[in-house]
Amino acid sequence: IEARVFEILDCRERHSEKTMAELYDPDLSPSDLIIAHENLDEIVDACYRKRPFEDDSERLQSLFEMYEEMIMVENK
């Protein structure tokens, strides 16, 4: 995970002329930064389950379900 975070930081540095808004604008984001984030997502997703999430919506749904389970355990 740490290596992938540094990959993202390196990409941002290579594109230091861009603002954060430009770096993360869907129409302006550099392809190497997108790939770096996808690489990080893949590793983090693997911490939660074996198969990758289809999209951010599925990822969020899974995280909220885990949160609900955690709250139920704490309230027992």
PDB file of N, CA and C in Angstrom:
ATOM      1  N   ILE A   1       0.847  -1.191   0.000  1.00  0.00           N
ATOM      2  CA  ILE A   1       0.000   0.000   0.000  1.00  0.00           C
ATOM      3  C   ILE A   1       0.887   1.247   0.000  1.00  0.00           C
ATOM      4  N   GLU A   2       1.897   1.216   0.850  1.00  0.00           N
ATOM      5  CA  GLU A   2       2.775   2.381   0.955  1.00  0.00           C
ATOM      6  C   GLU A   2       3.447   2.700  -0.388  1.00  0.00           C
ATOM      7  N   ALA A   3       3.894   1.682  -1.084  1.00  0.00           N
ATOM      8  CA  ALA A   3       4.542   1.895  -2.383  1.00  0.00           C
ATOM      9  C   ALA A   3       3.574   2.526  -3.381  1.00  0.00           C
ATOM     10  N   ARG A   4       2.320   2.096  -3.343  1.00  0.00           N
ATOM     11  CA  ARG A   4       1.318   2.652  -4.270  1.00  0.00           C
ATOM     12  C   ARG A   4       0.989   4.097  -3.921  1.00  0.00           C
ATOM     13  N   VAL A   5       0.973   4.428  -2.634  1.00  0.00           N
ATOM     14  CA  VAL A   5       0.745   5.818  -2.225  1.00  0.00           C
ATOM     15  C   VAL A   5       1.880   6.696  -2.750  1.00  0.00           C
ATOM     16  N   PHE A   6       3.113   6.208  -2.626  1.00  0.00           N
ATOM     17  CA  PHE A   6       4.241   6.987  -3.142  1.00  0.00           C
ATOM     18  C   PHE A   6       4.195   7.110  -4.666  1.00  0.00           C
ATOM     19  N   GLU A   7       3.665   6.092  -5.327  1.00  0.00           N
ATOM     20  CA  GLU A   7       3.476   6.171  -6.783  1.00  0.00           C
ATOM     21  C   GLU A   7       2.526   7.324  -7.123  1.00  0.00           C
ATOM     22  N   ILE A   8       1.458   7.458  -6.365  1.00  0.00           N
ATOM     23  CA  ILE A   8       0.511   8.556  -6.578  1.00  0.00           C
ATOM     24  C   ILE A   8       1.184   9.898  -6.322  1.00  0.00           C
ATOM     25  N   LEU A   9       1.930   9.985  -5.233  1.00  0.00           N
ATOM     26  CA  LEU A   9       2.627  11.240  -4.926  1.00  0.00           C
ATOM     27  C   LEU A   9       3.642  11.593  -6.009  1.00  0.00           C
ATOM     28  N   ASP A  10       4.337  10.579  -6.536  1.00  0.00           N
ATOM     29  CA  ASP A  10       5.286  10.817  -7.623  1.00  0.00           C
ATOM     30  C   ASP A  10       4.577  11.332  -8.870  1.00  0.00           C
ATOM     31  N   CYS A  11       3.423  10.761  -9.179  1.00  0.00           N
ATOM     32  CA  CYS A  11       2.642  11.226 -10.339  1.00  0.00           C
ATOM     33  C   CYS A  11       2.225  12.684 -10.154  1.00  0.00           C
ATOM     34  N   ARG A  12       1.768  13.009  -8.968  1.00  0.00           N
ATOM     35  CA  ARG A  12       1.373  14.394  -8.696  1.00  0.00           C
ATOM     36  C   ARG A  12       2.558  15.332  -8.885  1.00  0.00           C
ATOM     37  N   GLU A  13       3.713  14.898  -8.426  1.00  0.00           N
ATOM     38  CA  GLU A  13       4.920  15.726  -8.556  1.00  0.00           C
ATOM     39  C   GLU A  13       5.302  15.917 -10.028  1.00  0.00           C
ATOM     40  N   ARG A  14       5.160  14.868 -10.826  1.00  0.00           N
ATOM     41  CA  ARG A  14       5.470  14.977 -12.260  1.00  0.00           C
ATOM     42  C   ARG A  14       4.539  15.965 -12.961  1.00  0.00           C
ATOM     43  N   HIS A  15       3.385  16.188 -12.376  1.00  0.00           N
ATOM     44  CA  HIS A  15       2.401  17.105 -12.957  1.00  0.00           C
ATOM     45  C   HIS A  15       2.184  18.300 -12.027  1.00  0.00           C
ATOM     46  N   SER A  16       3.266  18.786 -11.448  1.00  0.00           N
ATOM     47  CA  SER A  16       3.177  19.848 -10.434  1.00  0.00           C
ATOM     48  C   SER A  16       2.640  21.166 -10.983  1.00  0.00           C
ATOM     49  N   GLU A  17       2.614  21.305 -12.296  1.00  0.00           N
ATOM     50  CA  GLU A  17       2.057  22.527 -12.884  1.00  0.00           C
ATOM     51  C   GLU A  17       0.534  22.555 -12.797  1.00  0.00           C
ATOM     52  N   LYS A  18      -0.068  21.402 -12.500  1.00  0.00           N
ATOM     53  CA  LYS A  18      -1.526  21.313 -12.407  1.00  0.00           C
ATOM     54  C   LYS A  18      -1.982  21.501 -10.961  1.00  0.00           C
ATOM     55  N   THR A  19      -3.143  22.104 -10.811  1.00  0.00           N
ATOM     56  CA  THR A  19      -3.749  22.219  -9.487  1.00  0.00           C
ATOM     57  C   THR A  19      -4.358  20.869  -9.114  1.00  0.00           C
ATOM     58  N   MET A  20      -4.711  20.701  -7.834  1.00  0.00           N
ATOM     59  CA  MET A  20      -5.383  19.467  -7.419  1.00  0.00           C
ATOM     60  C   MET A  20      -6.701  19.297  -8.170  1.00  0.00           C
ATOM     61  N   ALA A  21      -7.389  20.399  -8.392  1.00  0.00           N
ATOM     62  CA  ALA A  21      -8.653  20.339  -9.136  1.00  0.00           C
ATOM     63  C   ALA A  21      -8.416  19.806 -10.548  1.00  0.00           C
ATOM     64  N   GLU A  22      -7.347  20.249 -11.178  1.00  0.00           N
ATOM     65  CA  GLU A  22      -7.041  19.765 -12.529  1.00  0.00           C
ATOM     66  C   GLU A  22      -6.593  18.311 -12.506  1.00  0.00           C
ATOM     67  N   LEU A  23      -5.791  17.950 -11.495  1.00  0.00           N
ATOM     68  CA  LEU A  23      -5.314  16.571 -11.401  1.00  0.00           C
ATOM     69  C   LEU A  23      -6.461  15.579 -11.269  1.00  0.00           C
ATOM     70  N   TYR A  24      -7.530  15.995 -10.600  1.00  0.00           N
ATOM     71  CA  TYR A  24      -8.627  15.070 -10.346  1.00  0.00           C
ATOM     72  C   TYR A  24      -9.894  15.385 -11.138  1.00  0.00           C
ATOM     73  N   ASP A  25      -9.789  16.293 -12.090  1.00  0.00           N
ATOM     74  CA  ASP A  25     -10.898  16.546 -13.013  1.00  0.00           C
ATOM     75  C   ASP A  25     -10.967  15.369 -13.978  1.00  0.00           C
ATOM     76  N   PRO A  26     -12.134  14.733 -14.113  1.00  0.00           N
ATOM     77  CA  PRO A  26     -12.245  13.559 -14.991  1.00  0.00           C
ATOM     78  C   PRO A  26     -11.780  13.814 -16.428  1.00  0.00           C
ATOM     79  N   ASP A  27     -11.891  15.039 -16.891  1.00  0.00           N
ATOM     80  CA  ASP A  27     -11.484  15.344 -18.260  1.00  0.00           C
ATOM     81  C   ASP A  27     -10.015  15.745 -18.376  1.00  0.00           C
ATOM     82  N   LEU A  28      -9.368  16.068 -17.258  1.00  0.00           N
ATOM     83  CA  LEU A  28      -7.998  16.574 -17.298  1.00  0.00           C
ATOM     84  C   LEU A  28      -6.981  15.690 -16.577  1.00  0.00           C
ATOM     85  N   SER A  29      -7.442  14.738 -15.812  1.00  0.00           N
ATOM     86  CA  SER A  29      -6.552  13.912 -14.993  1.00  0.00           C
ATOM     87  C   SER A  29      -5.557  13.147 -15.868  1.00  0.00           C
ATOM     88  N   PRO A  30      -4.269  13.235 -15.540  1.00  0.00           N
ATOM     89  CA  PRO A  30      -3.260  12.505 -16.317  1.00  0.00           C
ATOM     90  C   PRO A  30      -3.465  10.995 -16.205  1.00  0.00           C
ATOM     91  N   SER A  31      -3.236  10.304 -17.299  1.00  0.00           N
ATOM     92  CA  SER A  31      -3.486   8.856 -17.319  1.00  0.00           C
ATOM     93  C   SER A  31      -2.613   8.109 -16.318  1.00  0.00           C
ATOM     94  N   ASP A  32      -1.367   8.564 -16.094  1.00  0.00           N
ATOM     95  CA  ASP A  32      -0.521   7.858 -15.127  1.00  0.00           C
ATOM     96  C   ASP A  32      -1.055   8.000 -13.706  1.00  0.00           C
ATOM     97  N   LEU A  33      -1.692   9.106 -13.395  1.00  0.00           N
ATOM     98  CA  LEU A  33      -2.288   9.286 -12.073  1.00  0.00           C
ATOM     99  C   LEU A  33      -3.518   8.392 -11.912  1.00  0.00           C
ATOM    100  N   ILE A  34      -4.301   8.293 -12.945  1.00  0.00           N
ATOM    101  CA  ILE A  34      -5.470   7.402 -12.911  1.00  0.00           C
ATOM    102  C   ILE A  34      -5.026   5.964 -12.673  1.00  0.00           C
ATOM    103  N   ILE A  35      -4.003   5.539 -13.396  1.00  0.00           N
ATOM    104  CA  ILE A  35      -3.489   4.173 -13.253  1.00  0.00           C
ATOM    105  C   ILE A  35      -2.926   3.956 -11.851  1.00  0.00           C
ATOM    106  N   ALA A  36      -2.217   4.949 -11.321  1.00  0.00           N
ATOM    107  CA  ALA A  36      -1.655   4.833  -9.974  1.00  0.00           C
ATOM    108  C   ALA A  36      -2.765   4.641  -8.943  1.00  0.00           C
ATOM    109  N   HIS A  37      -3.863   5.379  -9.096  1.00  0.00           N
ATOM    110  CA  HIS A  37      -4.993   5.222  -8.169  1.00  0.00           C
ATOM    111  C   HIS A  37      -5.659   3.860  -8.349  1.00  0.00           C
ATOM    112  N   GLU A  38      -5.769   3.403  -9.571  1.00  0.00           N
ATOM    113  CA  GLU A  38      -6.353   2.079  -9.808  1.00  0.00           C
ATOM    114  C   GLU A  38      -5.501   0.993  -9.165  1.00  0.00           C
ATOM    115  N   ASN A  39      -4.170   1.153  -9.240  1.00  0.00           N
ATOM    116  CA  ASN A  39      -3.262   0.182  -8.615  1.00  0.00           C
ATOM    117  C   ASN A  39      -3.455   0.159  -7.105  1.00  0.00           C
ATOM    118  N   LEU A  40      -3.602   1.320  -6.496  1.00  0.00           N
ATOM    119  CA  LEU A  40      -3.841   1.388  -5.056  1.00  0.00           C
ATOM    120  C   LEU A  40      -5.199   0.778  -4.714  1.00  0.00           C
ATOM    121  N   ASP A  41      -6.226   1.127  -5.481  1.00  0.00           N
ATOM    122  CA  ASP A  41      -7.565   0.569  -5.238  1.00  0.00           C
ATOM    123  C   ASP A  41      -7.538  -0.954  -5.250  1.00  0.00           C
ATOM    124  N   GLU A  42      -6.806  -1.528  -6.196  1.00  0.00           N
ATOM    125  CA  GLU A  42      -6.747  -2.980  -6.325  1.00  0.00           C
ATOM    126  C   GLU A  42      -6.169  -3.620  -5.059  1.00  0.00           C
ATOM    127  N   ILE A  43      -5.123  -3.029  -4.533  1.00  0.00           N
ATOM    128  CA  ILE A  43      -4.487  -3.582  -3.331  1.00  0.00           C
ATOM    129  C   ILE A  43      -5.386  -3.410  -2.107  1.00  0.00           C
ATOM    130  N   VAL A  44      -5.969  -2.239  -1.959  1.00  0.00           N
ATOM    131  CA  VAL A  44      -6.846  -1.995  -0.811  1.00  0.00           C
ATOM    132  C   VAL A  44      -8.088  -2.878  -0.895  1.00  0.00           C
ATOM    133  N   ASP A  45      -8.668  -3.001  -2.082  1.00  0.00           N
ATOM    134  CA  ASP A  45      -9.839  -3.859  -2.245  1.00  0.00           C
ATOM    135  C   ASP A  45      -9.534  -5.300  -1.832  1.00  0.00           C
ATOM    136  N   ALA A  46      -8.336  -5.762  -2.144  1.00  0.00           N
ATOM    137  CA  ALA A  46      -7.955  -7.136  -1.811  1.00  0.00           C
ATOM    138  C   ALA A  46      -7.885  -7.349  -0.298  1.00  0.00           C
ATOM    139  N   CYS A  47      -7.776  -6.290   0.463  1.00  0.00           N
ATOM    140  CA  CYS A  47      -7.800  -6.398   1.929  1.00  0.00           C
ATOM    141  C   CYS A  47      -9.202  -6.748   2.428  1.00  0.00           C
ATOM    142  N   TYR A  48     -10.196  -6.474   1.616  1.00  0.00           N
ATOM    143  CA  TYR A  48     -11.585  -6.662   2.037  1.00  0.00           C
ATOM    144  C   TYR A  48     -12.233  -7.900   1.438  1.00  0.00           C
ATOM    145  N   ARG A  49     -11.818  -8.284   0.238  1.00  0.00           N
ATOM    146  CA  ARG A  49     -12.400  -9.471  -0.384  1.00  0.00           C
ATOM    147  C   ARG A  49     -11.530  -9.938  -1.537  1.00  0.00           C
ATOM    148  N   LYS A  50     -11.787 -11.168  -1.988  1.00  0.00           N
ATOM    149  CA  LYS A  50     -10.927 -11.764  -3.014  1.00  0.00           C
ATOM    150  C   LYS A  50     -11.141 -11.177  -4.401  1.00  0.00           C
ATOM    151  N   ARG A  51     -12.374 -10.922  -4.768  1.00  0.00           N
ATOM    152  CA  ARG A  51     -12.613 -10.379  -6.110  1.00  0.00           C
ATOM    153  C   ARG A  51     -12.751  -8.859  -6.040  1.00  0.00           C
ATOM    154  N   PRO A  52     -12.315  -8.173  -7.074  1.00  0.00           N
ATOM    155  CA  PRO A  52     -12.378  -6.700  -7.047  1.00  0.00           C
ATOM    156  C   PRO A  52     -13.815  -6.185  -7.062  1.00  0.00           C
ATOM    157  N   PHE A  53     -13.991  -4.989  -6.556  1.00  0.00           N
ATOM    158  CA  PHE A  53     -15.298  -4.349  -6.623  1.00  0.00           C
ATOM    159  C   PHE A  53     -15.546  -3.905  -8.059  1.00  0.00           C
ATOM    160  N   GLU A  54     -16.791  -3.958  -8.463  1.00  0.00           N
ATOM    161  CA  GLU A  54     -17.157  -3.554  -9.828  1.00  0.00           C
ATOM    162  C   GLU A  54     -16.974  -2.054 -10.027  1.00  0.00           C
ATOM    163  N   ASP A  55     -17.327  -1.276  -8.987  1.00  0.00           N
ATOM    164  CA  ASP A  55     -17.247   0.176  -9.096  1.00  0.00           C
ATOM    165  C   ASP A  55     -17.286   0.784  -7.689  1.00  0.00           C
ATOM    166  N   ASP A  56     -17.210   2.102  -7.629  1.00  0.00           N
ATOM    167  CA  ASP A  56     -17.216   2.784  -6.336  1.00  0.00           C
ATOM    168  C   ASP A  56     -18.507   2.554  -5.567  1.00  0.00           C
ATOM    169  N   SER A  57     -19.608   2.433  -6.280  1.00  0.00           N
ATOM    170  CA  SER A  57     -20.896   2.208  -5.627  1.00  0.00           C
ATOM    171  C   SER A  57     -20.897   0.870  -4.876  1.00  0.00           C
ATOM    172  N   GLU A  58     -20.403  -0.158  -5.515  1.00  0.00           N
ATOM    173  CA  GLU A  58     -20.336  -1.471  -4.872  1.00  0.00           C
ATOM    174  C   GLU A  58     -19.353  -1.434  -3.694  1.00  0.00           C
ATOM    175  N   ARG A  59     -18.242  -0.724  -3.850  1.00  0.00           N
ATOM    176  CA  ARG A  59     -17.258  -0.583  -2.787  1.00  0.00           C
ATOM    177  C   ARG A  59     -17.904   0.092  -1.567  1.00  0.00           C
ATOM    178  N   LEU A  60     -18.597   1.193  -1.796  1.00  0.00           N
ATOM    179  CA  LEU A  60     -19.254   1.906  -0.705  1.00  0.00           C
ATOM    180  C   LEU A  60     -20.307   1.048  -0.018  1.00  0.00           C
ATOM    181  N   GLN A  61     -21.085   0.343  -0.805  1.00  0.00           N
ATOM    182  CA  GLN A  61     -22.112  -0.526  -0.241  1.00  0.00           C
ATOM    183  C   GLN A  61     -21.474  -1.561   0.680  1.00  0.00           C
ATOM    184  N   SER A  62     -20.396  -2.157   0.247  1.00  0.00           N
ATOM    185  CA  SER A  62     -19.720  -3.163   1.055  1.00  0.00           C
ATOM    186  C   SER A  62     -19.161  -2.549   2.339  1.00  0.00           C
ATOM    187  N   LEU A  63     -18.564  -1.368   2.232  1.00  0.00           N
ATOM    188  CA  LEU A  63     -18.008  -0.716   3.418  1.00  0.00           C
ATOM    189  C   LEU A  63     -19.100  -0.337   4.415  1.00  0.00           C
ATOM    190  N   PHE A  64     -20.239   0.146   3.917  1.00  0.00           N
ATOM    191  CA  PHE A  64     -21.348   0.465   4.817  1.00  0.00           C
ATOM    192  C   PHE A  64     -21.895  -0.791   5.493  1.00  0.00           C
ATOM    193  N   GLU A  65     -21.947  -1.902   4.770  1.00  0.00           N
ATOM    194  CA  GLU A  65     -22.408  -3.162   5.363  1.00  0.00           C
ATOM    195  C   GLU A  65     -21.465  -3.611   6.472  1.00  0.00           C
ATOM    196  N   MET A  66     -20.156  -3.490   6.225  1.00  0.00           N
ATOM    197  CA  MET A  66     -19.183  -3.846   7.262  1.00  0.00           C
ATOM    198  C   MET A  66     -19.317  -2.930   8.470  1.00  0.00           C
ATOM    199  N   TYR A  67     -19.572  -1.649   8.225  1.00  0.00           N
ATOM    200  CA  TYR A  67     -19.759  -0.693   9.312  1.00  0.00           C
ATOM    201  C   TYR A  67     -20.986  -1.049  10.140  1.00  0.00           C
ATOM    202  N   GLU A  68     -22.092  -1.388   9.468  1.00  0.00           N
ATOM    203  CA  GLU A  68     -23.306  -1.773  10.174  1.00  0.00           C
ATOM    204  C   GLU A  68     -23.069  -3.005  11.041  1.00  0.00           C
ATOM    205  N   GLU A  69     -22.330  -3.988  10.515  1.00  0.00           N
ATOM    206  CA  GLU A  69     -22.015  -5.186  11.288  1.00  0.00           C
ATOM    207  C   GLU A  69     -21.179  -4.833  12.517  1.00  0.00           C
ATOM    208  N   MET A  70     -20.216  -3.942  12.329  1.00  0.00           N
ATOM    209  CA  MET A  70     -19.353  -3.521  13.435  1.00  0.00           C
ATOM    210  C   MET A  70     -20.176  -2.840  14.526  1.00  0.00           C
ATOM    211  N   ILE A  71     -21.112  -1.984  14.124  1.00  0.00           N
ATOM    212  CA  ILE A  71     -21.964  -1.280  15.092  1.00  0.00           C
ATOM    213  C   ILE A  71     -22.838  -2.266  15.845  1.00  0.00           C
ATOM    214  N   MET A  72     -23.391  -3.258  15.129  1.00  0.00           N
ATOM    215  CA  MET A  72     -24.239  -4.256  15.799  1.00  0.00           C
ATOM    216  C   MET A  72     -23.442  -5.046  16.830  1.00  0.00           C
ATOM    217  N   VAL A  73     -22.213  -5.410  16.518  1.00  0.00           N
ATOM    218  CA  VAL A  73     -21.378  -6.150  17.454  1.00  0.00           C
ATOM    219  C   VAL A  73     -21.081  -5.289  18.681  1.00  0.00           C
ATOM    220  N   GLU A  74     -20.777  -4.025  18.466  1.00  0.00           N
ATOM    221  CA  GLU A  74     -20.476  -3.125  19.576  1.00  0.00           C
ATOM    222  C   GLU A  74     -21.677  -2.913  20.483  1.00  0.00           C
ATOM    223  N   ASN A  75     -22.889  -2.941  19.924  1.00  0.00           N
ATOM    224  CA  ASN A  75     -24.100  -2.670  20.695  1.00  0.00           C
ATOM    225  C   ASN A  75     -24.650  -3.905  21.395  1.00  0.00           C
ATOM    226  N   LYS A  76     -24.019  -5.055  21.231  1.00  0.00           N
ATOM    227  CA  LYS A  76     -24.511  -6.280  21.890  1.00  0.00           C
ATOM    228  C   LYS A  76     -24.078  -6.309  23.324  1.00  0.00           C
TER     229      LYS A  76
END
